Amino acid sequence: MRTTLFGKIFLLIFSTITFIFIVFIYQFMKLQEESIFDAQIIKAKSIAQNIIISNSDAMVVDDEITLLESVQDFVKLNSEIKSFTISRKNGMRIVITKDNWNLIDFVDIPNKNIFLEKSYKITTSSILKDEIFLYNYPVYFTHVLWGDFRIELNLNEYKKQLDQLYTNSIYLGVLLFITSFLVSYIIAKMISKPIVNLSAISEEVSNGDLSKRAKIESNDEIGRLSKSFNTMVSSLEVSQKELTDSHNVLEQRVKQRTQELKELNASLEKRVHDEIKARQEQEQILIQQSKLAAMGEMIGNIAHQWRQPLNALGLVMQNIQFSYEMDELDDEFMDRSVKKVNLLTSNMSKTIDDFRNFFKPNKEKEGFVLNSLIEKALALVESTFEHNDIVIEQKLEGEIKVFGFPNEFSQTILNVMNNAKDALIENEISDAKVSISISKDDKYGIVTIIDNAGGIPIDIIDKIFEPYFTTKEEGKGTGIGLYMSKIIVEQNMDGKLYAKNLDNGAEFIVKVPLYEGFNR
């Protein structure tokens, strides 16, 4: 961090100073170049003016010989002049060099004023084919254009001065570079040193040593930051002491709570055991209540099953009595009547066996066929449904074998059927009907029971499987039938039991796992 901070500050300052120096050197060189170039202009202009001053009389009277000799002597004496050209309005042009002179007539040139404009530039000489400084100087007498002078100066001195300028600029640049480096280093050191020191103290404080303090006495922003930092560390030191004291107090409380938990755990096992035992007893009570409620339903069904054979048995006894009174009682009539009585009592005895087997619980899971079991269960309640004018529609085609407790599953089917019956009777449905069908998917055998009793109210549909919840009048329902049915199907048989409303009734769906290896 320290190296990074110093490097960033140094690089920023050095880049800024270097940029300023570069701009300064560039502007300095540009001004110097312009100054050297202006010196060339002044020199050429001075030559032209000296020629005019010394030869004004000859130029006024057009004494070209005197002018030529004077200019040629001037050119030979001045080493910087490469050539001197005198141009006249009449088209005459004299080119004078150090060695000779030439007379050129340019009468045929369309623009005769091409050389009569004042101008200057560095270019290649059309006469000597060397790089020269060209200066055109128009000559006027009493505001009348006489002609012009075309002066070509060599660039030796000009280039020498430029070379000297570039050399001096390089020296100046190196000096400024070194200066900017030193200045940047000193300033970066001055700025970064207190910050680095403050960072080092911060690192030690962050490692837990709150006795450290920043020792920066300046009155600038960094000094004020150091004072604020020291104040903050002092506050942290006080807070740490308070926190340590609180920790010690908390540790004592934890020890006390731990001891209390140990004492609580010593008695927790007994409390859990007692709670489990109480729950098991409560569950047994629920199961017993469910069985008693189912037995009450079955007793009513037995009464309906026995009503017809008992009526038939009464008719047989009346016939025997009537035959006896009419003195028509003989062995054949008596034998026929006894056989009929035996058949009726045998059917009634079979009904008792069916109900007794129905309430006998299964000890282990086994495979059973859905449609056969449902047909047997419906046979126990069909008389009660017929007595209440309720039609049972059966769609039990196909053989679907499932795995579970068949008698307990029969109880579930009868619980749902009896609830549908009670709802139809309570709502006084004229065309009361319950349909029961079976199907299957990849995992389950499915029993669907649908009634047309108007459906389950929305506000209680989520509560119908809770224990002791019932909508029936007191004495007509215990509220545990559907609760025990859900436990039997979902907890004991790993299936599913749920309900939903249709347009004009309720639909109960019971799913039981398919028997492995059967109907796969």
Protein backbone atom coordinates (compact mmCIF):
# COMPACT_ATOMS: atom_id res chain seq x y z
CA MET A 1 0.00 0.00 0.00
CA ARG A 2 2.83 2.34 0.96
CA THR A 3 4.71 1.81 -2.31
CA THR A 4 1.49 2.06 -4.26
CA LEU A 5 0.46 5.36 -2.67
CA PHE A 6 3.89 6.95 -3.10
CA GLY A 7 4.10 5.67 -6.68
CA LYS A 8 0.68 7.03 -7.58
CA ILE A 9 1.40 10.47 -6.11
CA PHE A 10 4.87 10.56 -7.68
CA LEU A 11 3.55 9.50 -11.08
CA LEU A 12 0.75 12.08 -10.95
CA ILE A 13 3.05 14.97 -9.99
CA PHE A 14 5.85 13.91 -12.33
CA SER A 15 3.44 13.52 -15.26
CA THR A 16 1.93 16.95 -14.57
CA ILE A 17 5.28 18.76 -14.26
CA THR A 18 6.73 16.93 -17.27
CA PHE A 19 3.70 17.84 -19.36
CA ILE A 20 4.05 21.50 -18.34
CA PHE A 21 7.79 21.45 -19.18
CA ILE A 22 7.15 19.80 -22.56
CA VAL A 23 4.59 22.47 -23.43
CA PHE A 24 7.03 25.14 -22.24
CA ILE A 25 9.93 23.74 -24.33
CA TYR A 26 7.68 23.38 -27.36
CA GLN A 27 6.47 26.97 -27.12
CA PHE A 28 10.02 28.17 -26.41
CA MET A 29 11.40 26.39 -29.50
CA LYS A 30 8.53 27.66 -31.60
CA LEU A 31 9.21 31.26 -30.53
CA GLN A 32 12.96 30.84 -31.07
CA GLU A 33 12.44 29.38 -34.54
CA GLU A 34 10.17 32.31 -35.41
CA SER A 35 12.80 34.69 -34.03
CA ILE A 36 15.58 33.14 -36.13
CA PHE A 37 13.34 33.22 -39.20
CA ASP A 38 12.49 36.91 -38.49
CA ALA A 39 16.24 37.62 -38.27
CA GLN A 40 16.60 36.24 -41.81
CA ILE A 41 13.81 38.56 -42.97
CA ILE A 42 15.41 41.56 -41.28
CA LYS A 43 18.80 40.68 -42.77
CA ALA A 44 17.38 40.38 -46.33
CA LYS A 45 15.35 43.55 -45.93
CA SER A 46 18.45 45.40 -44.64
CA ILE A 47 20.44 44.27 -47.72
CA ALA A 48 17.72 45.52 -50.04
CA GLN A 49 17.45 48.85 -48.27
CA ASN A 50 21.25 49.34 -48.28
CA ILE A 51 21.32 48.72 -52.05
CA ILE A 52 18.52 51.23 -52.54
CA ILE A 53 20.15 53.86 -50.34
CA SER A 54 23.58 53.53 -51.96
CA ASN A 55 22.24 53.40 -55.53
CA SER A 56 19.15 55.58 -55.42
CA ASP A 57 20.58 58.16 -57.85
CA ALA A 58 21.56 55.53 -60.40
CA MET A 59 18.16 53.84 -60.04
CA VAL A 60 16.27 57.11 -60.54
CA VAL A 61 18.14 57.95 -63.81
CA ASP A 62 18.08 54.27 -64.83
CA ASP A 63 21.90 54.03 -64.76
CA GLU A 64 21.84 50.26 -64.91
CA ILE A 65 25.60 49.87 -65.39
CA THR A 66 26.39 51.72 -62.14
CA LEU A 67 23.63 49.75 -60.34
CA LEU A 68 24.95 46.47 -61.73
CA GLU A 69 28.54 47.14 -60.69
CA SER A 70 27.51 48.30 -57.21
CA VAL A 71 25.27 45.29 -56.61
CA GLN A 72 27.88 42.86 -57.98
CA ASP A 73 30.52 44.30 -55.61
CA PHE A 74 28.07 44.04 -52.71
CA VAL A 75 27.27 40.40 -53.55
CA LYS A 76 30.97 39.49 -53.73
CA LEU A 77 31.64 41.10 -50.35
CA ASN A 78 28.63 39.56 -48.59
CA SER A 79 29.16 35.83 -48.17
CA GLU A 80 25.53 35.13 -47.22
CA ILE A 81 24.11 36.30 -50.57
CA LYS A 82 23.81 33.47 -53.07
CA SER A 83 22.21 35.58 -55.83
CA PHE A 84 20.63 38.98 -56.31
CA THR A 85 18.03 39.52 -59.01
CA ILE A 86 16.88 42.93 -60.20
CA SER A 87 13.52 42.94 -61.98
CA ARG A 88 12.12 45.97 -63.89
CA LYS A 89 8.63 46.83 -65.00
CA ASN A 90 9.81 46.97 -68.60
CA GLY A 91 10.52 43.23 -68.52
CA MET A 92 14.27 43.33 -68.00
CA ARG A 93 15.70 40.99 -65.37
CA ILE A 94 19.36 40.90 -64.19
CA VAL A 95 20.53 37.89 -62.12
CA ILE A 96 23.79 38.61 -60.27
CA THR A 97 25.89 35.93 -58.57
CA LYS A 98 29.38 36.06 -57.11
CA ASP A 99 30.91 34.85 -60.36
CA ASN A 100 28.87 36.61 -63.10
CA TRP A 101 25.64 38.18 -64.00
CA ASN A 102 23.01 37.41 -66.65
CA LEU A 103 20.44 39.52 -68.37
CA ILE A 104 17.08 37.84 -68.88
CA ASP A 105 14.20 39.27 -70.80
CA PHE A 106 10.76 38.03 -69.66
CA VAL A 107 8.61 40.26 -71.82
CA ASP A 108 6.64 37.23 -72.95
CA ILE A 109 5.69 36.19 -69.39
CA PRO A 110 1.93 36.82 -69.07
CA ASN A 111 2.03 38.05 -65.45
CA LYS A 112 4.88 40.60 -65.29
CA ASN A 113 4.09 41.41 -61.68
CA ILE A 114 4.85 37.86 -60.51
CA PHE A 115 8.17 38.99 -58.92
CA LEU A 116 6.94 42.36 -57.78
CA GLU A 117 5.12 41.14 -54.62
CA LYS A 118 6.74 41.36 -51.23
CA SER A 119 7.26 37.80 -49.91
CA TYR A 120 9.76 35.52 -48.14
CA LYS A 121 10.17 31.78 -47.75
CA ILE A 122 12.67 28.95 -47.59
CA THR A 123 12.74 27.17 -50.91
CA THR A 124 15.02 25.68 -53.59
CA SER A 125 16.80 28.19 -55.79
CA SER A 126 15.74 28.07 -59.42
CA ILE A 127 19.18 29.44 -60.33
CA LEU A 128 21.63 27.57 -58.10
CA LYS A 129 19.43 24.57 -57.27
CA ASP A 130 20.33 24.89 -53.57
CA GLU A 131 18.05 25.36 -50.56
CA ILE A 132 17.94 29.08 -49.87
CA PHE A 133 16.01 31.81 -48.10
CA LEU A 134 14.17 33.78 -50.81
CA TYR A 135 13.13 37.39 -50.20
CA ASN A 136 11.18 39.56 -52.69
CA TYR A 137 11.36 43.28 -52.02
CA PRO A 138 9.35 45.72 -54.22
CA VAL A 139 11.12 49.03 -54.92
CA TYR A 140 9.14 52.30 -55.03
CA PHE A 141 10.21 55.88 -55.76
CA THR A 142 7.67 58.57 -54.94
CA HIS A 143 5.01 55.84 -54.65
CA VAL A 144 5.77 54.64 -58.12
CA LEU A 145 6.81 51.01 -58.58
CA TRP A 146 10.32 50.87 -59.97
CA GLY A 147 10.73 47.08 -59.86
CA ASP A 148 11.79 44.64 -57.21
CA PHE A 149 14.83 42.90 -55.71
CA ARG A 150 14.90 39.12 -55.42
CA ILE A 151 17.48 38.16 -52.82
CA GLU A 152 18.60 34.58 -52.22
CA LEU A 153 20.50 34.03 -48.95
CA ASN A 154 22.29 30.85 -47.95
CA LEU A 155 20.96 29.00 -44.88
CA ASN A 156 24.26 28.27 -43.18
CA GLU A 157 23.81 30.72 -40.35
CA TYR A 158 20.09 29.95 -40.13
CA LYS A 159 20.71 26.22 -39.78
CA LYS A 160 23.54 26.80 -37.37
CA GLN A 161 21.28 28.83 -35.14
CA LEU A 162 18.57 26.15 -35.39
CA ASP A 163 21.07 23.43 -34.49
CA GLN A 164 22.19 25.48 -31.54
CA LEU A 165 18.54 25.97 -30.58
CA TYR A 166 17.82 22.22 -30.72
CA THR A 167 20.96 21.41 -28.76
CA ASN A 168 20.09 23.96 -26.09
CA SER A 169 16.52 22.62 -26.02
CA ILE A 170 17.81 19.08 -25.43
CA TYR A 171 19.99 20.27 -22.58
CA LEU A 172 17.09 22.27 -21.23
CA GLY A 173 14.75 19.26 -21.56
CA VAL A 174 17.18 16.97 -19.69
CA LEU A 175 17.61 19.58 -16.99
CA LEU A 176 13.87 20.06 -16.65
CA PHE A 177 13.31 16.28 -16.65
CA ILE A 178 15.75 15.84 -13.79
CA THR A 179 14.23 18.81 -12.00
CA SER A 180 10.69 17.46 -12.41
CA PHE A 181 11.84 14.05 -11.18
CA LEU A 182 13.42 15.51 -8.05
CA VAL A 183 10.55 17.88 -7.38
CA SER A 184 8.00 15.09 -7.88
CA TYR A 185 9.93 12.77 -5.58
CA ILE A 186 10.16 15.41 -2.83
CA ILE A 187 6.49 16.42 -3.08
CA ALA A 188 5.30 12.79 -3.26
CA LYS A 189 7.42 11.97 -0.24
CA MET A 190 6.00 14.93 1.68
CA ILE A 191 2.40 14.00 0.85
CA SER A 192 2.63 10.19 1.18
CA LYS A 193 4.80 9.94 4.28
CA PRO A 194 2.15 11.04 6.83
CA ILE A 195 -0.52 9.00 5.04
CA VAL A 196 1.74 5.92 5.01
CA ASN A 197 2.52 6.42 8.70
CA LEU A 198 -1.20 6.75 9.43
CA SER A 199 -1.86 3.58 7.40
CA ALA A 200 0.78 1.65 9.37
CA ILE A 201 -0.77 2.77 12.66
CA SER A 202 -4.23 1.78 11.33
CA GLU A 203 -2.95 -1.68 10.44
CA GLU A 204 -1.56 -2.19 13.94
CA VAL A 205 -4.82 -0.97 15.45
CA SER A 206 -6.80 -3.32 13.20
CA ASN A 207 -4.63 -6.18 14.52
CA GLY A 208 -5.77 -5.37 18.05
CA ASP A 209 -3.11 -3.01 19.39
CA LEU A 210 -5.21 -0.05 20.54
CA SER A 211 -2.26 1.59 22.33
CA LYS A 212 -0.88 3.01 19.08
CA ARG A 213 -1.44 6.66 18.18
CA ALA A 214 -0.64 8.68 15.07
CA LYS A 215 2.20 11.21 15.60
CA ILE A 216 1.49 13.87 13.00
CA GLU A 217 1.62 17.44 14.26
CA SER A 218 0.77 19.38 11.11
CA ASN A 219 -2.27 21.67 10.99
CA ASP A 220 -3.41 20.66 7.52
CA GLU A 221 -6.10 18.17 6.59
CA ILE A 222 -3.84 15.18 7.30
CA GLY A 223 -3.05 16.57 10.76
CA ARG A 224 -6.74 16.98 11.52
CA LEU A 225 -7.37 13.45 10.18
CA SER A 226 -4.67 12.12 12.53
CA LYS A 227 -6.30 13.83 15.52
CA SER A 228 -9.68 12.38 14.57
CA PHE A 229 -8.06 8.96 14.14
CA ASN A 230 -6.47 9.15 17.62
CA THR A 231 -9.82 10.14 19.11
CA MET A 232 -11.49 7.22 17.36
CA VAL A 233 -8.85 4.75 18.64
CA SER A 234 -9.28 6.06 22.17
CA SER A 235 -13.04 5.49 21.88
CA LEU A 236 -12.40 1.99 20.55
CA GLU A 237 -10.10 1.27 23.47
CA VAL A 238 -12.81 2.29 25.93
CA SER A 239 -15.41 0.27 23.99
CA GLN A 240 -13.13 -2.77 23.96
CA LYS A 241 -12.74 -2.61 27.74
CA GLU A 242 -16.51 -2.35 28.14
CA LEU A 243 -16.95 -5.23 25.67
CA THR A 244 -14.45 -7.37 27.62
CA ASP A 245 -16.32 -6.70 30.83
CA SER A 246 -19.62 -7.54 29.12
CA HIS A 247 -18.06 -10.71 27.72
CA ASN A 248 -16.98 -11.82 31.18
CA VAL A 249 -20.48 -11.19 32.53
CA LEU A 250 -22.01 -13.01 29.57
CA GLU A 251 -19.63 -15.93 30.06
CA GLN A 252 -20.79 -16.26 33.66
CA ARG A 253 -24.41 -16.19 32.51
CA VAL A 254 -23.69 -18.83 29.85
CA LYS A 255 -22.15 -21.07 32.50
CA GLN A 256 -25.21 -20.58 34.65
CA ARG A 257 -27.58 -21.29 31.74
CA THR A 258 -25.52 -24.34 30.77
CA GLN A 259 -25.92 -25.72 34.25
CA GLU A 260 -29.65 -25.09 34.10
CA LEU A 261 -29.82 -26.85 30.71
CA LYS A 262 -27.96 -29.83 32.11
CA GLU A 263 -30.49 -30.06 34.92
CA LEU A 264 -33.32 -29.65 32.41
CA ASN A 265 -31.88 -32.34 30.11
CA ALA A 266 -31.68 -34.69 33.09
CA SER A 267 -35.49 -34.60 33.33
CA LEU A 268 -36.22 -34.07 29.63
CA GLU A 269 -35.98 -37.76 28.71
CA LYS A 270 -38.66 -38.66 31.24
CA ARG A 271 -40.87 -35.81 30.05
CA VAL A 272 -40.48 -36.88 26.41
CA HIS A 273 -41.27 -40.48 27.32
CA ASP A 274 -44.37 -39.38 29.21
CA GLU A 275 -45.46 -37.15 26.30
CA ILE A 276 -45.00 -39.96 23.78
CA LYS A 277 -46.93 -42.32 26.00
CA ALA A 278 -49.73 -39.77 26.37
CA ARG A 279 -49.85 -39.24 22.60
CA GLN A 280 -49.96 -43.01 22.01
CA GLU A 281 -52.79 -43.33 24.48
CA GLN A 282 -54.60 -40.44 22.77
CA GLU A 283 -54.11 -42.11 19.39
CA GLN A 284 -55.47 -45.40 20.76
CA ILE A 285 -58.49 -43.52 22.08
CA LEU A 286 -58.97 -41.97 18.64
CA ILE A 287 -58.66 -45.36 16.97
CA GLN A 288 -61.11 -46.86 19.41
CA GLN A 289 -63.53 -43.99 18.88
CA SER A 290 -63.17 -44.44 15.14
CA LYS A 291 -63.89 -48.15 15.44
CA LEU A 292 -66.87 -47.53 17.71
CA ALA A 293 -68.22 -44.93 15.29
CA ALA A 294 -67.71 -47.35 12.40
CA MET A 295 -69.37 -50.13 14.41
CA GLY A 296 -72.32 -47.86 15.03
CA GLU A 297 -72.60 -47.32 11.27
CA MET A 298 -72.25 -51.07 10.70
CA ILE A 299 -74.94 -51.90 13.26
CA GLY A 300 -77.28 -49.68 11.28
CA ASN A 301 -76.22 -51.49 8.11
CA ILE A 302 -76.78 -54.91 9.79
CA ALA A 303 -80.25 -53.75 10.75
CA HIS A 304 -80.97 -52.93 7.10
CA GLN A 305 -79.43 -56.23 5.94
CA TRP A 306 -81.51 -58.25 8.46
CA ARG A 307 -84.78 -56.42 7.95
CA GLN A 308 -85.79 -58.44 4.83
CA PRO A 309 -84.81 -61.91 6.13
CA LEU A 310 -86.48 -61.16 9.49
CA ASN A 311 -89.66 -60.18 7.68
CA ALA A 312 -89.44 -63.38 5.65
CA LEU A 313 -88.81 -65.38 8.86
CA GLY A 314 -91.89 -63.79 10.47
CA LEU A 315 -93.99 -64.76 7.45
CA VAL A 316 -92.78 -68.38 7.71
CA MET A 317 -93.74 -68.49 11.41
CA GLN A 318 -97.15 -66.98 10.61
CA ASN A 319 -97.69 -69.60 7.90
CA ILE A 320 -96.80 -72.40 10.36
CA GLN A 321 -99.23 -70.96 12.94
CA PHE A 322 -101.98 -70.54 10.33
CA SER A 323 -101.46 -74.07 9.03
CA TYR A 324 -101.59 -75.39 12.58
CA GLU A 325 -104.85 -73.59 13.27
CA MET A 326 -106.32 -74.85 9.99
CA ASP A 327 -105.14 -78.33 10.83
CA GLU A 328 -103.12 -78.36 7.63
CA LEU A 329 -99.72 -78.77 9.29
CA ASP A 330 -98.08 -81.91 7.90
CA ASP A 331 -94.57 -83.27 7.61
CA GLU A 332 -93.97 -81.96 4.10
CA PHE A 333 -95.08 -78.41 4.98
CA MET A 334 -93.07 -78.50 8.19
CA ASP A 335 -89.95 -79.75 6.38
CA ARG A 336 -90.26 -77.05 3.72
CA SER A 337 -90.73 -74.36 6.36
CA VAL A 338 -87.73 -75.54 8.40
CA LYS A 339 -85.50 -75.50 5.31
CA LYS A 340 -86.62 -71.96 4.53
CA VAL A 341 -85.95 -70.86 8.13
CA ASN A 342 -82.50 -72.49 8.06
CA LEU A 343 -81.67 -70.68 4.76
CA LEU A 344 -82.72 -67.32 6.21
CA THR A 345 -80.77 -67.81 9.45
CA SER A 346 -77.73 -69.00 7.46
CA ASN A 347 -77.76 -65.80 5.38
CA MET A 348 -78.08 -63.72 8.55
CA SER A 349 -75.16 -65.63 10.10
CA LYS A 350 -73.08 -64.98 6.97
CA THR A 351 -73.82 -61.25 7.31
CA ILE A 352 -72.44 -61.34 10.87
CA ASP A 353 -69.28 -63.11 9.64
CA ASP A 354 -68.81 -60.50 6.90
CA PHE A 355 -69.02 -57.64 9.39
CA ARG A 356 -66.80 -59.43 11.91
CA ASN A 357 -64.08 -60.00 9.27
CA PHE A 358 -64.41 -56.40 8.20
CA PHE A 359 -63.44 -55.12 11.67
CA LYS A 360 -60.59 -57.60 12.09
CA PRO A 361 -57.34 -55.52 11.55
CA ASN A 362 -54.55 -56.65 9.21
CA LYS A 363 -51.24 -57.22 10.96
CA GLU A 364 -49.04 -56.87 7.86
CA LYS A 365 -49.31 -55.18 4.50
CA GLU A 366 -50.40 -57.36 1.63
CA GLY A 367 -51.43 -57.10 -1.96
CA PHE A 368 -55.15 -56.86 -2.71
CA VAL A 369 -57.34 -56.14 -5.75
CA LEU A 370 -59.09 -52.79 -5.57
CA ASN A 371 -62.31 -53.61 -7.40
CA SER A 372 -62.96 -56.81 -5.39
CA LEU A 373 -62.37 -55.06 -2.05
CA ILE A 374 -64.59 -52.13 -2.99
CA GLU A 375 -67.39 -54.44 -4.11
CA LYS A 376 -67.29 -56.21 -0.74
CA ALA A 377 -67.28 -52.91 1.14
CA LEU A 378 -70.23 -51.57 -0.89
CA ALA A 379 -72.18 -54.74 -0.20
CA LEU A 380 -72.15 -53.81 3.50
CA VAL A 381 -73.78 -50.41 2.92
CA GLU A 382 -75.91 -50.83 -0.17
CA SER A 383 -79.06 -51.57 1.87
CA THR A 384 -78.61 -48.34 3.84
CA PHE A 385 -78.11 -46.36 0.60
CA GLU A 386 -81.19 -48.00 -0.98
CA HIS A 387 -83.23 -47.23 2.15
CA ASN A 388 -82.33 -43.52 1.72
CA ASP A 389 -82.96 -43.55 -2.07
CA ILE A 390 -79.30 -42.95 -2.89
CA VAL A 391 -77.99 -44.48 -6.14
CA ILE A 392 -74.47 -45.96 -6.15
CA GLU A 393 -72.82 -45.86 -9.60
CA GLN A 394 -69.87 -48.25 -9.89
CA LYS A 395 -67.13 -48.11 -12.52
CA LEU A 396 -64.87 -50.90 -11.30
CA GLU A 397 -63.75 -52.45 -14.60
CA GLY A 398 -60.21 -53.80 -14.77
CA GLU A 399 -58.13 -55.51 -12.13
CA ILE A 400 -55.77 -53.19 -10.24
CA LYS A 401 -53.67 -54.71 -7.48
CA VAL A 402 -52.30 -52.46 -4.74
CA PHE A 403 -50.24 -52.93 -1.57
CA GLY A 404 -51.41 -52.09 1.96
CA PHE A 405 -53.87 -53.06 4.69
CA PRO A 406 -57.10 -54.18 2.97
CA ASN A 407 -59.48 -54.03 5.99
CA GLU A 408 -58.22 -50.60 7.07
CA PHE A 409 -58.53 -49.44 3.44
CA SER A 410 -62.14 -50.71 3.42
CA GLN A 411 -62.79 -48.58 6.51
CA THR A 412 -61.45 -45.56 4.59
CA ILE A 413 -63.76 -46.24 1.63
CA LEU A 414 -66.78 -46.71 3.93
CA ASN A 415 -65.93 -43.52 5.90
CA VAL A 416 -65.94 -41.49 2.68
CA MET A 417 -69.12 -43.20 1.43
CA ASN A 418 -70.93 -42.61 4.75
CA ASN A 419 -69.91 -38.91 4.72
CA ALA A 420 -71.30 -38.61 1.18
CA LYS A 421 -74.53 -40.34 2.31
CA ASP A 422 -74.92 -38.01 5.32
CA ALA A 423 -74.31 -34.92 3.14
CA LEU A 424 -76.92 -36.05 0.61
CA ILE A 425 -79.50 -36.72 3.34
CA GLU A 426 -78.73 -33.45 5.17
CA ASN A 427 -79.04 -31.35 1.97
CA GLU A 428 -82.19 -33.28 0.90
CA ILE A 429 -80.93 -33.96 -2.63
CA SER A 430 -83.80 -35.37 -4.71
CA ASP A 431 -81.71 -37.29 -7.24
CA ALA A 432 -79.01 -38.32 -4.72
CA LYS A 433 -76.15 -40.16 -6.32
CA VAL A 434 -72.63 -41.34 -5.42
CA SER A 435 -70.27 -42.62 -8.11
CA ILE A 436 -67.15 -44.65 -7.36
CA SER A 437 -64.51 -45.53 -9.96
CA ILE A 438 -60.97 -46.90 -10.06
CA SER A 439 -57.95 -46.10 -12.27
CA LYS A 440 -54.18 -46.04 -12.01
CA ASP A 441 -51.06 -44.09 -12.98
CA ASP A 442 -47.38 -45.01 -12.91
CA LYS A 443 -47.20 -45.26 -9.09
CA TYR A 444 -50.70 -45.51 -7.62
CA GLY A 445 -54.01 -47.27 -7.81
CA ILE A 446 -56.64 -44.52 -7.62
CA VAL A 447 -60.17 -44.61 -6.17
CA THR A 448 -62.40 -41.61 -7.02
CA ILE A 449 -65.64 -41.02 -5.09
CA ILE A 450 -67.95 -38.22 -6.32
CA ASP A 451 -71.28 -37.06 -4.87
CA ASN A 452 -73.81 -34.42 -5.90
CA ALA A 453 -74.46 -33.01 -2.41
CA GLY A 454 -73.42 -29.46 -3.34
CA GLY A 455 -69.76 -29.55 -2.31
CA ILE A 456 -67.76 -28.65 0.80
CA PRO A 457 -67.90 -24.99 1.99
CA ILE A 458 -64.72 -23.14 1.01
CA ASP A 459 -64.06 -21.95 4.56
CA ILE A 460 -63.86 -25.51 5.97
CA ILE A 461 -62.45 -27.57 3.10
CA ASP A 462 -58.94 -27.29 4.58
CA LYS A 463 -60.16 -28.48 8.00
CA ILE A 464 -62.13 -31.64 7.16
CA PHE A 465 -59.16 -33.94 7.87
CA GLU A 466 -58.46 -32.42 11.30
CA PRO A 467 -59.34 -34.52 14.39
CA TYR A 468 -62.73 -33.84 16.02
CA PHE A 469 -63.78 -31.46 13.24
CA THR A 470 -67.37 -32.12 12.15
CA THR A 471 -70.28 -30.19 10.68
CA LYS A 472 -72.85 -32.73 11.84
CA GLU A 473 -75.20 -32.20 14.75
CA GLU A 474 -74.05 -33.25 18.21
CA GLY A 475 -74.39 -37.01 18.65
CA LYS A 476 -74.38 -37.69 14.87
CA GLY A 477 -70.63 -37.42 14.21
CA THR A 478 -67.33 -37.67 16.07
CA GLY A 479 -65.13 -35.76 13.62
CA ILE A 480 -62.46 -38.49 13.56
CA GLY A 481 -63.56 -40.58 10.54
CA LEU A 482 -61.72 -38.60 7.87
CA TYR A 483 -58.81 -37.89 10.24
CA MET A 484 -58.24 -41.64 10.83
CA SER A 485 -58.77 -42.33 7.12
CA LYS A 486 -55.98 -39.87 6.23
CA ILE A 487 -53.65 -41.47 8.82
CA ILE A 488 -54.42 -44.97 7.46
CA VAL A 489 -53.82 -43.97 3.81
CA GLU A 490 -50.92 -41.53 4.09
CA GLN A 491 -48.96 -42.64 7.15
CA ASN A 492 -49.65 -46.39 7.23
CA MET A 493 -49.96 -47.12 3.50
CA ASP A 494 -47.73 -44.37 1.93
CA GLY A 495 -50.62 -43.16 -0.18
CA LYS A 496 -52.55 -39.92 -0.59
CA LEU A 497 -56.06 -38.77 0.40
CA TYR A 498 -57.45 -35.37 -0.53
CA ALA A 499 -60.69 -33.66 -1.54
CA LYS A 500 -61.82 -30.91 -3.88
CA ASN A 501 -65.07 -29.35 -5.02
CA LEU A 502 -66.71 -29.90 -8.40
CA ASP A 503 -69.59 -28.00 -9.97
CA ASN A 504 -72.38 -29.67 -7.94
CA GLY A 505 -70.59 -31.79 -5.36
CA ALA A 506 -67.36 -33.01 -3.80
CA GLU A 507 -64.71 -35.37 -5.10
CA PHE A 508 -62.54 -37.51 -2.80
CA ILE A 509 -59.44 -39.12 -4.31
CA VAL A 510 -57.66 -42.01 -2.59
CA LYS A 511 -54.27 -43.15 -3.93
CA VAL A 512 -52.58 -46.40 -2.82
CA PRO A 513 -49.18 -47.64 -4.07
CA LEU A 514 -49.38 -50.29 -6.78
CA TYR A 515 -48.31 -53.81 -5.86
CA GLU A 516 -44.74 -54.40 -7.14
CA GLY A 517 -44.52 -56.79 -10.05
CA PHE A 518 -48.27 -56.54 -10.74
CA ASN A 519 -49.81 -54.43 -13.54
CA ARG A 520 -46.51 -52.67 -14.28
